[in-house]
Amino acid sequence: MKTSHKILFAFLLLVVVAGVASVYGDVNGDGSVTSADITAVYNYLLTGDDTYLSTCDVNGDGSITSSDITAIYNVLLGN
């Protein structure tokens, strides 16, 4: 087995064992991307509700902004 395949296998195994398989844009961790995920980011931005703080940075740029909401809209629209 190639080294790159070993690394990929180890990562996938970690994901399965840790139960952290996720869907891009699924902020609340329910397994699907819906308006509830948009609401979770809005709640953080407007009230500071940090319930889903670790997953609010949807676009991975290091900050939680309206760009993360746009990213979720794009998932919902199929873009």
PDB file of N, CA and C in Angstrom:
ATOM      1  N   MET A   1       0.857  -1.179   0.000  1.00  0.00           N
ATOM      2  CA  MET A   1       0.000   0.000   0.000  1.00  0.00           C
ATOM      3  C   MET A   1       0.897   1.233   0.000  1.00  0.00           C
ATOM      4  N   LYS A   2       0.585   2.191  -0.885  1.00  0.00           N
ATOM      5  CA  LYS A   2       1.345   3.430  -0.958  1.00  0.00           C
ATOM      6  C   LYS A   2       1.177   4.228   0.329  1.00  0.00           C
ATOM      7  N   THR A   3       2.173   5.036   0.615  1.00  0.00           N
ATOM      8  CA  THR A   3       2.132   5.873   1.817  1.00  0.00           C
ATOM      9  C   THR A   3       0.906   6.786   1.807  1.00  0.00           C
ATOM     10  N   SER A   4       0.604   7.386   0.654  1.00  0.00           N
ATOM     11  CA  SER A   4      -0.555   8.292   0.585  1.00  0.00           C
ATOM     12  C   SER A   4      -1.853   7.546   0.870  1.00  0.00           C
ATOM     13  N   HIS A   5      -1.935   6.290   0.428  1.00  0.00           N
ATOM     14  CA  HIS A   5      -3.126   5.499   0.713  1.00  0.00           C
ATOM     15  C   HIS A   5      -3.212   5.147   2.197  1.00  0.00           C
ATOM     16  N   LYS A   6      -2.065   4.893   2.800  1.00  0.00           N
ATOM     17  CA  LYS A   6      -2.040   4.592   4.235  1.00  0.00           C
ATOM     18  C   LYS A   6      -2.526   5.791   5.045  1.00  0.00           C
ATOM     19  N   ILE A   7      -2.082   6.977   4.649  1.00  0.00           N
ATOM     20  CA  ILE A   7      -2.482   8.195   5.354  1.00  0.00           C
ATOM     21  C   ILE A   7      -3.978   8.425   5.196  1.00  0.00           C
ATOM     22  N   LEU A   8      -4.480   8.275   3.976  1.00  0.00           N
ATOM     23  CA  LEU A   8      -5.913   8.438   3.741  1.00  0.00           C
ATOM     24  C   LEU A   8      -6.718   7.415   4.538  1.00  0.00           C
ATOM     25  N   PHE A   9      -6.270   6.178   4.542  1.00  0.00           N
ATOM     26  CA  PHE A   9      -6.963   5.132   5.292  1.00  0.00           C
ATOM     27  C   PHE A   9      -6.980   5.462   6.783  1.00  0.00           C
ATOM     28  N   ALA A  10      -5.844   5.908   7.315  1.00  0.00           N
ATOM     29  CA  ALA A  10      -5.757   6.245   8.740  1.00  0.00           C
ATOM     30  C   ALA A  10      -6.699   7.397   9.074  1.00  0.00           C
ATOM     31  N   PHE A  11      -6.767   8.390   8.178  1.00  0.00           N
ATOM     32  CA  PHE A  11      -7.668   9.517   8.403  1.00  0.00           C
ATOM     33  C   PHE A  11      -9.119   9.063   8.403  1.00  0.00           C
ATOM     34  N   LEU A  12      -9.492   8.261   7.402  1.00  0.00           N
ATOM     35  CA  LEU A  12     -10.872   7.784   7.327  1.00  0.00           C
ATOM     36  C   LEU A  12     -11.226   6.921   8.529  1.00  0.00           C
ATOM     37  N   LEU A  13     -10.286   6.117   8.975  1.00  0.00           N
ATOM     38  CA  LEU A  13     -10.513   5.301  10.157  1.00  0.00           C
ATOM     39  C   LEU A  13     -10.743   6.186  11.375  1.00  0.00           C
ATOM     40  N   LEU A  14      -9.950   7.227  11.509  1.00  0.00           N
ATOM     41  CA  LEU A  14     -10.106   8.170  12.616  1.00  0.00           C
ATOM     42  C   LEU A  14     -11.479   8.824  12.567  1.00  0.00           C
ATOM     43  N   VAL A  15     -11.912   9.223  11.389  1.00  0.00           N
ATOM     44  CA  VAL A  15     -13.215   9.859  11.238  1.00  0.00           C
ATOM     45  C   VAL A  15     -14.329   8.907  11.666  1.00  0.00           C
ATOM     46  N   VAL A  16     -14.247   7.666  11.223  1.00  0.00           N
ATOM     47  CA  VAL A  16     -15.280   6.695  11.560  1.00  0.00           C
ATOM     48  C   VAL A  16     -15.275   6.382  13.049  1.00  0.00           C
ATOM     49  N   VAL A  17     -14.112   6.153  13.609  1.00  0.00           N
ATOM     50  CA  VAL A  17     -14.008   5.807  15.029  1.00  0.00           C
ATOM     51  C   VAL A  17     -14.427   6.970  15.916  1.00  0.00           C
ATOM     52  N   ALA A  18     -14.011   8.176  15.542  1.00  0.00           N
ATOM     53  CA  ALA A  18     -14.324   9.349  16.356  1.00  0.00           C
ATOM     54  C   ALA A  18     -15.757   9.826  16.137  1.00  0.00           C
ATOM     55  N   GLY A  19     -16.383   9.363  15.081  1.00  0.00           N
ATOM     56  CA  GLY A  19     -17.754   9.779  14.805  1.00  0.00           C
ATOM     57  C   GLY A  19     -17.864  11.222  14.378  1.00  0.00           C
ATOM     58  N   VAL A  20     -16.860  11.722  13.679  1.00  0.00           N
ATOM     59  CA  VAL A  20     -16.877  13.119  13.291  1.00  0.00           C
ATOM     60  C   VAL A  20     -17.155  13.319  11.808  1.00  0.00           C
ATOM     61  N   ALA A  21     -17.681  12.299  11.162  1.00  0.00           N
ATOM     62  CA  ALA A  21     -18.046  12.468   9.761  1.00  0.00           C
ATOM     63  C   ALA A  21     -19.054  13.596   9.675  1.00  0.00           C
ATOM     64  N   SER A  22     -18.831  14.524   8.780  1.00  0.00           N
ATOM     65  CA  SER A  22     -19.722  15.668   8.706  1.00  0.00           C
ATOM     66  C   SER A  22     -20.021  16.026   7.260  1.00  0.00           C
ATOM     67  N   VAL A  23     -20.988  16.858   7.105  1.00  0.00           N
ATOM     68  CA  VAL A  23     -21.402  17.350   5.806  1.00  0.00           C
ATOM     69  C   VAL A  23     -21.018  18.822   5.754  1.00  0.00           C
ATOM     70  N   TYR A  24     -20.393  19.249   4.634  1.00  0.00           N
ATOM     71  CA  TYR A  24     -19.998  20.648   4.489  1.00  0.00           C
ATOM     72  C   TYR A  24     -21.228  21.543   4.644  1.00  0.00           C
ATOM     73  N   GLY A  25     -21.177  22.471   5.590  1.00  0.00           N
ATOM     74  CA  GLY A  25     -22.286  23.382   5.837  1.00  0.00           C
ATOM     75  C   GLY A  25     -23.214  22.945   6.952  1.00  0.00           C
ATOM     76  N   ASP A  26     -23.006  21.736   7.456  1.00  0.00           N
ATOM     77  CA  ASP A  26     -23.863  21.214   8.535  1.00  0.00           C
ATOM     78  C   ASP A  26     -23.349  21.719   9.876  1.00  0.00           C
ATOM     79  N   VAL A  27     -23.746  22.923  10.229  1.00  0.00           N
ATOM     80  CA  VAL A  27     -23.249  23.581  11.437  1.00  0.00           C
ATOM     81  C   VAL A  27     -23.751  22.899  12.704  1.00  0.00           C
ATOM     82  N   ASN A  28     -25.017  22.504  12.724  1.00  0.00           N
ATOM     83  CA  ASN A  28     -25.585  21.948  13.950  1.00  0.00           C
ATOM     84  C   ASN A  28     -25.367  20.443  14.096  1.00  0.00           C
ATOM     85  N   GLY A  29     -24.725  19.818  13.116  1.00  0.00           N
ATOM     86  CA  GLY A  29     -24.338  18.417  13.246  1.00  0.00           C
ATOM     87  C   GLY A  29     -25.466  17.406  13.150  1.00  0.00           C
ATOM     88  N   ASP A  30     -26.560  17.780  12.500  1.00  0.00           N
ATOM     89  CA  ASP A  30     -27.676  16.830  12.386  1.00  0.00           C
ATOM     90  C   ASP A  30     -27.605  15.955  11.138  1.00  0.00           C
ATOM     91  N   GLY A  31     -26.535  16.114  10.361  1.00  0.00           N
ATOM     92  CA  GLY A  31     -26.334  15.266   9.185  1.00  0.00           C
ATOM     93  C   GLY A  31     -26.859  15.830   7.887  1.00  0.00           C
ATOM     94  N   SER A  32     -27.486  16.995   7.942  1.00  0.00           N
ATOM     95  CA  SER A  32     -27.965  17.613   6.708  1.00  0.00           C
ATOM     96  C   SER A  32     -27.808  19.127   6.788  1.00  0.00           C
ATOM     97  N   VAL A  33     -27.817  19.750   5.626  1.00  0.00           N
ATOM     98  CA  VAL A  33     -27.678  21.203   5.557  1.00  0.00           C
ATOM     99  C   VAL A  33     -29.064  21.784   5.326  1.00  0.00           C
ATOM    100  N   THR A  34     -29.501  22.597   6.285  1.00  0.00           N
ATOM    101  CA  THR A  34     -30.842  23.198   6.227  1.00  0.00           C
ATOM    102  C   THR A  34     -30.778  24.634   6.720  1.00  0.00           C
ATOM    103  N   SER A  35     -31.929  25.270   6.744  1.00  0.00           N
ATOM    104  CA  SER A  35     -32.000  26.640   7.263  1.00  0.00           C
ATOM    105  C   SER A  35     -31.607  26.705   8.731  1.00  0.00           C
ATOM    106  N   ALA A  36     -31.697  25.595   9.444  1.00  0.00           N
ATOM    107  CA  ALA A  36     -31.286  25.573  10.855  1.00  0.00           C
ATOM    108  C   ALA A  36     -29.793  25.860  10.993  1.00  0.00           C
ATOM    109  N   ASP A  37     -29.011  25.469  10.002  1.00  0.00           N
ATOM    110  CA  ASP A  37     -27.575  25.745  10.037  1.00  0.00           C
ATOM    111  C   ASP A  37     -27.312  27.233   9.829  1.00  0.00           C
ATOM    112  N   ILE A  38     -28.087  27.837   8.944  1.00  0.00           N
ATOM    113  CA  ILE A  38     -27.984  29.283   8.743  1.00  0.00           C
ATOM    114  C   ILE A  38     -28.363  30.007  10.034  1.00  0.00           C
ATOM    115  N   THR A  39     -29.422  29.554  10.661  1.00  0.00           N
ATOM    116  CA  THR A  39     -29.873  30.151  11.921  1.00  0.00           C
ATOM    117  C   THR A  39     -28.803  30.045  13.003  1.00  0.00           C
ATOM    118  N   ALA A  40     -28.088  28.934  13.050  1.00  0.00           N
ATOM    119  CA  ALA A  40     -27.036  28.754  14.053  1.00  0.00           C
ATOM    120  C   ALA A  40     -25.935  29.789  13.877  1.00  0.00           C
ATOM    121  N   VAL A  41     -25.551  30.066  12.630  1.00  0.00           N
ATOM    122  CA  VAL A  41     -24.516  31.077  12.387  1.00  0.00           C
ATOM    123  C   VAL A  41     -25.064  32.467  12.692  1.00  0.00           C
ATOM    124  N   TYR A  42     -26.289  32.751  12.253  1.00  0.00           N
ATOM    125  CA  TYR A  42     -26.918  34.037  12.592  1.00  0.00           C
ATOM    126  C   TYR A  42     -26.959  34.238  14.104  1.00  0.00           C
ATOM    127  N   ASN A  43     -27.341  33.215  14.830  1.00  0.00           N
ATOM    128  CA  ASN A  43     -27.413  33.332  16.291  1.00  0.00           C
ATOM    129  C   ASN A  43     -26.057  33.680  16.887  1.00  0.00           C
ATOM    130  N   TYR A  44     -25.003  33.073  16.356  1.00  0.00           N
ATOM    131  CA  TYR A  44     -23.664  33.415  16.850  1.00  0.00           C
ATOM    132  C   TYR A  44     -23.345  34.874  16.541  1.00  0.00           C
ATOM    133  N   LEU A  45     -23.590  35.281  15.302  1.00  0.00           N
ATOM    134  CA  LEU A  45     -23.241  36.648  14.894  1.00  0.00           C
ATOM    135  C   LEU A  45     -24.059  37.710  15.629  1.00  0.00           C
ATOM    136  N   LEU A  46     -25.328  37.434  15.869  1.00  0.00           N
ATOM    137  CA  LEU A  46     -26.200  38.445  16.468  1.00  0.00           C
ATOM    138  C   LEU A  46     -26.238  38.428  17.987  1.00  0.00           C
ATOM    139  N   THR A  47     -26.087  37.247  18.589  1.00  0.00           N
ATOM    140  CA  THR A  47     -26.242  37.161  20.042  1.00  0.00           C
ATOM    141  C   THR A  47     -25.016  36.617  20.767  1.00  0.00           C
ATOM    142  N   GLY A  48     -24.063  36.074  19.998  1.00  0.00           N
ATOM    143  CA  GLY A  48     -22.901  35.476  20.647  1.00  0.00           C
ATOM    144  C   GLY A  48     -23.147  34.063  21.136  1.00  0.00           C
ATOM    145  N   ASP A  49     -24.298  33.480  20.754  1.00  0.00           N
ATOM    146  CA  ASP A  49     -24.605  32.091  21.134  1.00  0.00           C
ATOM    147  C   ASP A  49     -23.555  31.171  20.532  1.00  0.00           C
ATOM    148  N   ASP A  50     -22.715  30.601  21.382  1.00  0.00           N
ATOM    149  CA  ASP A  50     -21.593  29.801  20.893  1.00  0.00           C
ATOM    150  C   ASP A  50     -21.844  28.295  20.942  1.00  0.00           C
ATOM    151  N   THR A  51     -23.108  27.893  20.910  1.00  0.00           N
ATOM    152  CA  THR A  51     -23.459  26.478  20.948  1.00  0.00           C
ATOM    153  C   THR A  51     -22.734  25.700  19.859  1.00  0.00           C
ATOM    154  N   TYR A  52     -22.665  26.259  18.660  1.00  0.00           N
ATOM    155  CA  TYR A  52     -22.026  25.585  17.525  1.00  0.00           C
ATOM    156  C   TYR A  52     -20.772  26.310  17.065  1.00  0.00           C
ATOM    157  N   LEU A  53     -20.100  26.971  17.983  1.00  0.00           N
ATOM    158  CA  LEU A  53     -18.930  27.779  17.658  1.00  0.00           C
ATOM    159  C   LEU A  53     -17.885  27.007  16.855  1.00  0.00           C
ATOM    160  N   SER A  54     -17.655  25.760  17.212  1.00  0.00           N
ATOM    161  CA  SER A  54     -16.589  24.997  16.550  1.00  0.00           C
ATOM    162  C   SER A  54     -16.906  24.668  15.096  1.00  0.00           C
ATOM    163  N   THR A  55     -18.156  24.802  14.673  1.00  0.00           N
ATOM    164  CA  THR A  55     -18.524  24.478  13.296  1.00  0.00           C
ATOM    165  C   THR A  55     -19.081  25.664  12.518  1.00  0.00           C
ATOM    166  N   CYS A  56     -19.133  26.832  13.123  1.00  0.00           N
ATOM    167  CA  CYS A  56     -19.693  28.009  12.448  1.00  0.00           C
ATOM    168  C   CYS A  56     -18.800  28.544  11.325  1.00  0.00           C
ATOM    169  N   ASP A  57     -17.522  28.292  11.396  1.00  0.00           N
ATOM    170  CA  ASP A  57     -16.608  28.774  10.353  1.00  0.00           C
ATOM    171  C   ASP A  57     -16.688  27.817   9.161  1.00  0.00           C
ATOM    172  N   VAL A  58     -17.777  27.892   8.438  1.00  0.00           N
ATOM    173  CA  VAL A  58     -18.068  26.945   7.362  1.00  0.00           C
ATOM    174  C   VAL A  58     -17.038  27.019   6.244  1.00  0.00           C
ATOM    175  N   ASN A  59     -16.653  28.222   5.840  1.00  0.00           N
ATOM    176  CA  ASN A  59     -15.727  28.350   4.721  1.00  0.00           C
ATOM    177  C   ASN A  59     -14.261  28.192   5.121  1.00  0.00           C
ATOM    178  N   GLY A  60     -14.003  28.031   6.400  1.00  0.00           N
ATOM    179  CA  GLY A  60     -12.652  27.727   6.877  1.00  0.00           C
ATOM    180  C   GLY A  60     -11.643  28.844   6.757  1.00  0.00           C
ATOM    181  N   ASP A  61     -12.108  30.094   6.757  1.00  0.00           N
ATOM    182  CA  ASP A  61     -11.173  31.211   6.626  1.00  0.00           C
ATOM    183  C   ASP A  61     -10.665  31.729   7.965  1.00  0.00           C
ATOM    184  N   GLY A  62     -11.068  31.088   9.058  1.00  0.00           N
ATOM    185  CA  GLY A  62     -10.568  31.473  10.373  1.00  0.00           C
ATOM    186  C   GLY A  62     -11.435  32.473  11.116  1.00  0.00           C
ATOM    187  N   SER A  63     -12.510  32.933  10.491  1.00  0.00           N
ATOM    188  CA  SER A  63     -13.408  33.849  11.183  1.00  0.00           C
ATOM    189  C   SER A  63     -14.851  33.490  10.832  1.00  0.00           C
ATOM    190  N   ILE A  64     -15.747  33.904  11.699  1.00  0.00           N
ATOM    191  CA  ILE A  64     -17.168  33.620  11.502  1.00  0.00           C
ATOM    192  C   ILE A  64     -17.833  34.921  11.073  1.00  0.00           C
ATOM    193  N   THR A  65     -18.286  34.934   9.821  1.00  0.00           N
ATOM    194  CA  THR A  65     -18.868  36.137   9.230  1.00  0.00           C
ATOM    195  C   THR A  65     -20.058  35.754   8.355  1.00  0.00           C
ATOM    196  N   SER A  66     -20.616  36.761   7.703  1.00  0.00           N
ATOM    197  CA  SER A  66     -21.713  36.507   6.778  1.00  0.00           C
ATOM    198  C   SER A  66     -21.266  35.630   5.606  1.00  0.00           C
ATOM    199  N   SER A  67     -19.984  35.561   5.349  1.00  0.00           N
ATOM    200  CA  SER A  67     -19.468  34.678   4.286  1.00  0.00           C
ATOM    201  C   SER A  67     -19.772  33.217   4.594  1.00  0.00           C
ATOM    202  N   ASP A  68     -19.817  32.877   5.858  1.00  0.00           N
ATOM    203  CA  ASP A  68     -20.154  31.504   6.244  1.00  0.00           C
ATOM    204  C   ASP A  68     -21.632  31.216   5.951  1.00  0.00           C
ATOM    205  N   ILE A  69     -22.468  32.204   6.162  1.00  0.00           N
ATOM    206  CA  ILE A  69     -23.889  32.059   5.830  1.00  0.00           C
ATOM    207  C   ILE A  69     -24.052  31.905   4.319  1.00  0.00           C
ATOM    208  N   THR A  70     -23.306  32.702   3.563  1.00  0.00           N
ATOM    209  CA  THR A  70     -23.334  32.595   2.106  1.00  0.00           C
ATOM    210  C   THR A  70     -22.904  31.206   1.652  1.00  0.00           C
ATOM    211  N   ALA A  71     -21.900  30.651   2.303  1.00  0.00           N
ATOM    212  CA  ALA A  71     -21.438  29.308   1.962  1.00  0.00           C
ATOM    213  C   ALA A  71     -22.541  28.282   2.164  1.00  0.00           C
ATOM    214  N   ILE A  72     -23.304  28.424   3.235  1.00  0.00           N
ATOM    215  CA  ILE A  72     -24.414  27.486   3.490  1.00  0.00           C
ATOM    216  C   ILE A  72     -25.506  27.683   2.437  1.00  0.00           C
ATOM    217  N   TYR A  73     -25.835  28.947   2.119  1.00  0.00           N
ATOM    218  CA  TYR A  73     -26.815  29.202   1.058  1.00  0.00           C
ATOM    219  C   TYR A  73     -26.385  28.530  -0.240  1.00  0.00           C
ATOM    220  N   ASN A  74     -25.103  28.622  -0.564  1.00  0.00           N
ATOM    221  CA  ASN A  74     -24.603  28.003  -1.791  1.00  0.00           C
ATOM    222  C   ASN A  74     -24.773  26.484  -1.773  1.00  0.00           C
ATOM    223  N   VAL A  75     -24.581  25.878  -0.624  1.00  0.00           N
ATOM    224  CA  VAL A  75     -24.814  24.427  -0.514  1.00  0.00           C
ATOM    225  C   VAL A  75     -26.294  24.134  -0.762  1.00  0.00           C
ATOM    226  N   LEU A  76     -27.162  24.910  -0.136  1.00  0.00           N
ATOM    227  CA  LEU A  76     -28.600  24.693  -0.292  1.00  0.00           C
ATOM    228  C   LEU A  76     -29.065  24.895  -1.738  1.00  0.00           C
ATOM    229  N   LEU A  77     -28.398  25.828  -2.430  1.00  0.00           N
ATOM    230  CA  LEU A  77     -28.765  26.120  -3.817  1.00  0.00           C
ATOM    231  C   LEU A  77     -28.067  25.198  -4.813  1.00  0.00           C
ATOM    232  N   GLY A  78     -27.164  24.362  -4.303  1.00  0.00           N
ATOM    233  CA  GLY A  78     -26.456  23.441  -5.172  1.00  0.00           C
ATOM    234  C   GLY A  78     -25.310  24.059  -5.936  1.00  0.00           C
ATOM    235  N   ASN A  79     -24.815  25.182  -5.458  1.00  0.00           N
ATOM    236  CA  ASN A  79     -23.688  25.864  -6.125  1.00  0.00           C
ATOM    237  C   ASN A  79     -22.360  25.358  -5.625  1.00  0.00           C
TER     238      ASN A  79
END
